Amino acid sequence: MSHSIHPEAEAEFEAAAEFYNEREEGLGNDLYDEVFAAIDRIIEYPNSWPRYSYRTRRCLCNRFP
């Protein structure tokens, strides 16, 4: 599935993946996999996540903060 990410969020996401890859080779790739799997779950089940605010829900990743 294709994902569209805001350019500023994409830059922050790439910086986070680079940070994790510097800590351990391949860990940044694991971050990508986990985040995109979470996005796929959100798309498939949009109302499954607890409310964060009136119009926002929150889906946390398991391995990464």
PDB file of N, CA and C in Angstrom:
ATOM      1  N   MET A   1       0.847  -1.175   0.000  1.00  0.00           N
ATOM      2  CA  MET A   1       0.000   0.000   0.000  1.00  0.00           C
ATOM      3  C   MET A   1       0.895   1.240   0.000  1.00  0.00           C
ATOM      4  N   SER A   2       0.491   2.229  -0.748  1.00  0.00           N
ATOM      5  CA  SER A   2       1.255   3.465  -0.832  1.00  0.00           C
ATOM      6  C   SER A   2       0.820   4.413   0.282  1.00  0.00           C
ATOM      7  N   HIS A   3       1.787   5.123   0.851  1.00  0.00           N
ATOM      8  CA  HIS A   3       1.498   6.049   1.941  1.00  0.00           C
ATOM      9  C   HIS A   3       1.931   7.448   1.546  1.00  0.00           C
ATOM     10  N   SER A   4       1.148   8.428   1.916  1.00  0.00           N
ATOM     11  CA  SER A   4       1.487   9.818   1.681  1.00  0.00           C
ATOM     12  C   SER A   4       1.810  10.454   3.031  1.00  0.00           C
ATOM     13  N   ILE A   5       2.989  11.027   3.151  1.00  0.00           N
ATOM     14  CA  ILE A   5       3.446  11.603   4.415  1.00  0.00           C
ATOM     15  C   ILE A   5       3.819  13.057   4.180  1.00  0.00           C
ATOM     16  N   HIS A   6       3.410  13.924   5.086  1.00  0.00           N
ATOM     17  CA  HIS A   6       3.741  15.341   5.010  1.00  0.00           C
ATOM     18  C   HIS A   6       5.262  15.476   4.937  1.00  0.00           C
ATOM     19  N   PRO A   7       5.789  16.374   4.106  1.00  0.00           N
ATOM     20  CA  PRO A   7       7.247  16.495   3.939  1.00  0.00           C
ATOM     21  C   PRO A   7       8.016  16.712   5.247  1.00  0.00           C
ATOM     22  N   GLU A   8       7.492  17.516   6.159  1.00  0.00           N
ATOM     23  CA  GLU A   8       8.190  17.730   7.429  1.00  0.00           C
ATOM     24  C   GLU A   8       8.178  16.466   8.286  1.00  0.00           C
ATOM     25  N   ALA A   9       7.065  15.752   8.278  1.00  0.00           N
ATOM     26  CA  ALA A   9       6.988  14.494   9.024  1.00  0.00           C
ATOM     27  C   ALA A   9       7.920  13.457   8.401  1.00  0.00           C
ATOM     28  N   GLU A  10       7.992  13.453   7.073  1.00  0.00           N
ATOM     29  CA  GLU A  10       8.870  12.515   6.388  1.00  0.00           C
ATOM     30  C   GLU A  10      10.336  12.769   6.739  1.00  0.00           C
ATOM     31  N   ALA A  11      10.728  14.048   6.805  1.00  0.00           N
ATOM     32  CA  ALA A  11      12.110  14.390   7.171  1.00  0.00           C
ATOM     33  C   ALA A  11      12.408  13.944   8.598  1.00  0.00           C
ATOM     34  N   GLU A  12      11.456  14.140   9.504  1.00  0.00           N
ATOM     35  CA  GLU A  12      11.646  13.719  10.891  1.00  0.00           C
ATOM     36  C   GLU A  12      11.718  12.196  10.986  1.00  0.00           C
ATOM     37  N   PHE A  13      10.884  11.514  10.215  1.00  0.00           N
ATOM     38  CA  PHE A  13      10.869  10.053  10.190  1.00  0.00           C
ATOM     39  C   PHE A  13      12.192   9.501   9.661  1.00  0.00           C
ATOM     40  N   GLU A  14      12.714  10.097   8.594  1.00  0.00           N
ATOM     41  CA  GLU A  14      14.003   9.663   8.041  1.00  0.00           C
ATOM     42  C   GLU A  14      15.142   9.905   9.022  1.00  0.00           C
ATOM     43  N   ALA A  15      15.086  11.039   9.753  1.00  0.00           N
ATOM     44  CA  ALA A  15      16.110  11.318  10.757  1.00  0.00           C
ATOM     45  C   ALA A  15      16.053  10.284  11.885  1.00  0.00           C
ATOM     46  N   ALA A  16      14.852   9.897  12.266  1.00  0.00           N
ATOM     47  CA  ALA A  16      14.706   8.882  13.316  1.00  0.00           C
ATOM     48  C   ALA A  16      15.253   7.542  12.845  1.00  0.00           C
ATOM     49  N   ALA A  17      14.962   7.163  11.613  1.00  0.00           N
ATOM     50  CA  ALA A  17      15.472   5.900  11.071  1.00  0.00           C
ATOM     51  C   ALA A  17      16.994   5.930  11.010  1.00  0.00           C
ATOM     52  N   GLU A  18      17.563   7.060  10.612  1.00  0.00           N
ATOM     53  CA  GLU A  18      19.020   7.189  10.576  1.00  0.00           C
ATOM     54  C   GLU A  18      19.605   7.062  11.986  1.00  0.00           C
ATOM     55  N   PHE A  19      18.964   7.698  12.959  1.00  0.00           N
ATOM     56  CA  PHE A  19      19.393   7.608  14.356  1.00  0.00           C
ATOM     57  C   PHE A  19      19.440   6.142  14.801  1.00  0.00           C
ATOM     58  N   TYR A  20      18.362   5.395  14.531  1.00  0.00           N
ATOM     59  CA  TYR A  20      18.313   3.992  14.935  1.00  0.00           C
ATOM     60  C   TYR A  20      19.341   3.155  14.180  1.00  0.00           C
ATOM     61  N   ASN A  21      19.562   3.433  12.901  1.00  0.00           N
ATOM     62  CA  ASN A  21      20.564   2.687  12.136  1.00  0.00           C
ATOM     63  C   ASN A  21      21.978   2.949  12.652  1.00  0.00           C
ATOM     64  N   GLU A  22      22.227   4.146  13.187  1.00  0.00           N
ATOM     65  CA  GLU A  22      23.535   4.441  13.781  1.00  0.00           C
ATOM     66  C   GLU A  22      23.733   3.652  15.067  1.00  0.00           C
ATOM     67  N   ARG A  23      22.642   3.365  15.763  1.00  0.00           N
ATOM     68  CA  ARG A  23      22.726   2.597  17.004  1.00  0.00           C
ATOM     69  C   ARG A  23      22.952   1.117  16.718  1.00  0.00           C
ATOM     70  N   GLU A  24      22.214   0.620  15.703  1.00  0.00           N
ATOM     71  CA  GLU A  24      22.318  -0.794  15.341  1.00  0.00           C
ATOM     72  C   GLU A  24      21.900  -0.940  13.878  1.00  0.00           C
ATOM     73  N   GLU A  25      22.761  -1.544  13.077  1.00  0.00           N
ATOM     74  CA  GLU A  25      22.487  -1.709  11.650  1.00  0.00           C
ATOM     75  C   GLU A  25      21.151  -2.430  11.441  1.00  0.00           C
ATOM     76  N   GLY A  26      20.291  -1.838  10.628  1.00  0.00           N
ATOM     77  CA  GLY A  26      19.003  -2.434  10.309  1.00  0.00           C
ATOM     78  C   GLY A  26      17.866  -2.020  11.228  1.00  0.00           C
ATOM     79  N   LEU A  27      18.187  -1.397  12.356  1.00  0.00           N
ATOM     80  CA  LEU A  27      17.141  -1.005  13.296  1.00  0.00           C
ATOM     81  C   LEU A  27      16.242   0.082  12.700  1.00  0.00           C
ATOM     82  N   GLY A  28      16.810   0.980  11.912  1.00  0.00           N
ATOM     83  CA  GLY A  28      16.001   1.996  11.233  1.00  0.00           C
ATOM     84  C   GLY A  28      15.031   1.379  10.246  1.00  0.00           C
ATOM     85  N   ASN A  29      15.464   0.296   9.589  1.00  0.00           N
ATOM     86  CA  ASN A  29      14.561  -0.422   8.686  1.00  0.00           C
ATOM     87  C   ASN A  29      13.414  -1.056   9.469  1.00  0.00           C
ATOM     88  N   ASP A  30      13.708  -1.554  10.666  1.00  0.00           N
ATOM     89  CA  ASP A  30      12.656  -2.104  11.526  1.00  0.00           C
ATOM     90  C   ASP A  30      11.657  -1.013  11.899  1.00  0.00           C
ATOM     91  N   LEU A  31      12.153   0.207  12.132  1.00  0.00           N
ATOM     92  CA  LEU A  31      11.271   1.336  12.430  1.00  0.00           C
ATOM     93  C   LEU A  31      10.324   1.574  11.258  1.00  0.00           C
ATOM     94  N   TYR A  32      10.870   1.647  10.046  1.00  0.00           N
ATOM     95  CA  TYR A  32      10.025   1.823   8.862  1.00  0.00           C
ATOM     96  C   TYR A  32       8.954   0.744   8.804  1.00  0.00           C
ATOM     97  N   ASP A  33       9.359  -0.514   8.947  1.00  0.00           N
ATOM     98  CA  ASP A  33       8.412  -1.624   8.857  1.00  0.00           C
ATOM     99  C   ASP A  33       7.305  -1.494   9.888  1.00  0.00           C
ATOM    100  N   GLU A  34       7.679  -1.169  11.122  1.00  0.00           N
ATOM    101  CA  GLU A  34       6.681  -1.092  12.181  1.00  0.00           C
ATOM    102  C   GLU A  34       5.727   0.082  11.974  1.00  0.00           C
ATOM    103  N   VAL A  35       6.256   1.232  11.601  1.00  0.00           N
ATOM    104  CA  VAL A  35       5.401   2.405  11.405  1.00  0.00           C
ATOM    105  C   VAL A  35       4.444   2.186  10.239  1.00  0.00           C
ATOM    106  N   PHE A  36       4.941   1.662   9.123  1.00  0.00           N
ATOM    107  CA  PHE A  36       4.055   1.451   7.981  1.00  0.00           C
ATOM    108  C   PHE A  36       3.043   0.339   8.246  1.00  0.00           C
ATOM    109  N   ALA A  37       3.387  -0.658   9.042  1.00  0.00           N
ATOM    110  CA  ALA A  37       2.415  -1.672   9.442  1.00  0.00           C
ATOM    111  C   ALA A  37       1.324  -1.041  10.311  1.00  0.00           C
ATOM    112  N   ALA A  38       1.710  -0.128  11.203  1.00  0.00           N
ATOM    113  CA  ALA A  38       0.729   0.574  12.035  1.00  0.00           C
ATOM    114  C   ALA A  38      -0.185   1.436  11.165  1.00  0.00           C
ATOM    115  N   ILE A  39       0.379   2.118  10.184  1.00  0.00           N
ATOM    116  CA  ILE A  39      -0.436   2.938   9.282  1.00  0.00           C
ATOM    117  C   ILE A  39      -1.438   2.056   8.532  1.00  0.00           C
ATOM    118  N   ASP A  40      -0.993   0.903   8.066  1.00  0.00           N
ATOM    119  CA  ASP A  40      -1.905  -0.027   7.378  1.00  0.00           C
ATOM    120  C   ASP A  40      -3.046  -0.461   8.299  1.00  0.00           C
ATOM    121  N   ARG A  41      -2.730  -0.741   9.584  1.00  0.00           N
ATOM    122  CA  ARG A  41      -3.775  -1.119  10.543  1.00  0.00           C
ATOM    123  C   ARG A  41      -4.749   0.033  10.767  1.00  0.00           C
ATOM    124  N   ILE A  42      -4.240   1.242  10.855  1.00  0.00           N
ATOM    125  CA  ILE A  42      -5.096   2.417  11.054  1.00  0.00           C
ATOM    126  C   ILE A  42      -6.042   2.588   9.867  1.00  0.00           C
ATOM    127  N   ILE A  43      -5.507   2.417   8.665  1.00  0.00           N
ATOM    128  CA  ILE A  43      -6.337   2.548   7.463  1.00  0.00           C
ATOM    129  C   ILE A  43      -7.424   1.468   7.447  1.00  0.00           C
ATOM    130  N   GLU A  44      -7.059   0.249   7.824  1.00  0.00           N
ATOM    131  CA  GLU A  44      -8.022  -0.852   7.793  1.00  0.00           C
ATOM    132  C   GLU A  44      -9.053  -0.756   8.914  1.00  0.00           C
ATOM    133  N   TYR A  45      -8.643  -0.310  10.096  1.00  0.00           N
ATOM    134  CA  TYR A  45      -9.526  -0.237  11.264  1.00  0.00           C
ATOM    135  C   TYR A  45      -9.453   1.153  11.903  1.00  0.00           C
ATOM    136  N   PRO A  46      -9.945   2.183  11.236  1.00  0.00           N
ATOM    137  CA  PRO A  46      -9.731   3.566  11.695  1.00  0.00           C
ATOM    138  C   PRO A  46     -10.337   3.919  13.055  1.00  0.00           C
ATOM    139  N   ASN A  47     -11.353   3.210  13.482  1.00  0.00           N
ATOM    140  CA  ASN A  47     -11.993   3.544  14.758  1.00  0.00           C
ATOM    141  C   ASN A  47     -11.568   2.640  15.910  1.00  0.00           C
ATOM    142  N   SER A  48     -10.539   1.850  15.713  1.00  0.00           N
ATOM    143  CA  SER A  48     -10.117   0.886  16.723  1.00  0.00           C
ATOM    144  C   SER A  48      -9.220   1.464  17.797  1.00  0.00           C
ATOM    145  N   TRP A  49      -8.738   2.649  17.613  1.00  0.00           N
ATOM    146  CA  TRP A  49      -7.725   3.205  18.504  1.00  0.00           C
ATOM    147  C   TRP A  49      -8.359   4.160  19.506  1.00  0.00           C
ATOM    148  N   PRO A  50      -7.805   4.245  20.713  1.00  0.00           N
ATOM    149  CA  PRO A  50      -8.391   5.135  21.730  1.00  0.00           C
ATOM    150  C   PRO A  50      -8.292   6.610  21.326  1.00  0.00           C
ATOM    151  N   ARG A  51      -9.275   7.355  21.771  1.00  0.00           N
ATOM    152  CA  ARG A  51      -9.280   8.800  21.483  1.00  0.00           C
ATOM    153  C   ARG A  51      -8.152   9.495  22.230  1.00  0.00           C
ATOM    154  N   TYR A  52      -7.500  10.396  21.511  1.00  0.00           N
ATOM    155  CA  TYR A  52      -6.442  11.226  22.077  1.00  0.00           C
ATOM    156  C   TYR A  52      -6.994  12.617  22.355  1.00  0.00           C
ATOM    157  N   SER A  53      -7.838  13.089  21.445  1.00  0.00           N
ATOM    158  CA  SER A  53      -8.568  14.345  21.609  1.00  0.00           C
ATOM    159  C   SER A  53      -9.866  14.198  20.822  1.00  0.00           C
ATOM    160  N   TYR A  54     -10.623  15.248  20.709  1.00  0.00           N
ATOM    161  CA  TYR A  54     -11.948  15.179  20.079  1.00  0.00           C
ATOM    162  C   TYR A  54     -11.917  14.542  18.694  1.00  0.00           C
ATOM    163  N   ARG A  55     -10.977  14.952  17.831  1.00  0.00           N
ATOM    164  CA  ARG A  55     -10.929  14.463  16.455  1.00  0.00           C
ATOM    165  C   ARG A  55      -9.716  13.586  16.168  1.00  0.00           C
ATOM    166  N   THR A  56      -9.000  13.174  17.193  1.00  0.00           N
ATOM    167  CA  THR A  56      -7.752  12.454  16.990  1.00  0.00           C
ATOM    168  C   THR A  56      -7.752  11.154  17.788  1.00  0.00           C
ATOM    169  N   ARG A  57      -7.217  10.108  17.184  1.00  0.00           N
ATOM    170  CA  ARG A  57      -7.002   8.837  17.870  1.00  0.00           C
ATOM    171  C   ARG A  57      -5.508   8.556  17.875  1.00  0.00           C
ATOM    172  N   ARG A  58      -5.076   7.693  18.788  1.00  0.00           N
ATOM    173  CA  ARG A  58      -3.647   7.405  18.906  1.00  0.00           C
ATOM    174  C   ARG A  58      -3.390   5.905  18.771  1.00  0.00           C
ATOM    175  N   CYS A  59      -2.461   5.583  17.884  1.00  0.00           N
ATOM    176  CA  CYS A  59      -2.000   4.204  17.704  1.00  0.00           C
ATOM    177  C   CYS A  59      -0.502   4.203  17.975  1.00  0.00           C
ATOM    178  N   LEU A  60      -0.095   3.537  19.035  1.00  0.00           N
ATOM    179  CA  LEU A  60       1.313   3.502  19.398  1.00  0.00           C
ATOM    180  C   LEU A  60       2.004   2.289  18.766  1.00  0.00           C
ATOM    181  N   CYS A  61       3.274   2.443  18.479  1.00  0.00           N
ATOM    182  CA  CYS A  61       4.081   1.329  18.000  1.00  0.00           C
ATOM    183  C   CYS A  61       4.574   0.519  19.191  1.00  0.00           C
ATOM    184  N   ASN A  62       4.830  -0.755  18.975  1.00  0.00           N
ATOM    185  CA  ASN A  62       5.258  -1.625  20.067  1.00  0.00           C
ATOM    186  C   ASN A  62       6.722  -1.432  20.459  1.00  0.00           C
ATOM    187  N   ARG A  63       7.624  -1.358  19.480  1.00  0.00           N
ATOM    188  CA  ARG A  63       9.063  -1.329  19.771  1.00  0.00           C
ATOM    189  C   ARG A  63       9.653   0.055  19.904  1.00  0.00           C
ATOM    190  N   PHE A  64       9.044   1.033  19.295  1.00  0.00           N
ATOM    191  CA  PHE A  64       9.658   2.355  19.212  1.00  0.00           C
ATOM    192  C   PHE A  64       8.756   3.410  19.838  1.00  0.00           C
ATOM    193  N   PRO A  65       9.353   4.349  20.559  1.00  0.00           N
ATOM    194  CA  PRO A  65       8.547   5.405  21.165  1.00  0.00           C
ATOM    195  C   PRO A  65       8.010   6.392  20.131  1.00  0.00           C
TER     196      PRO A  65
END
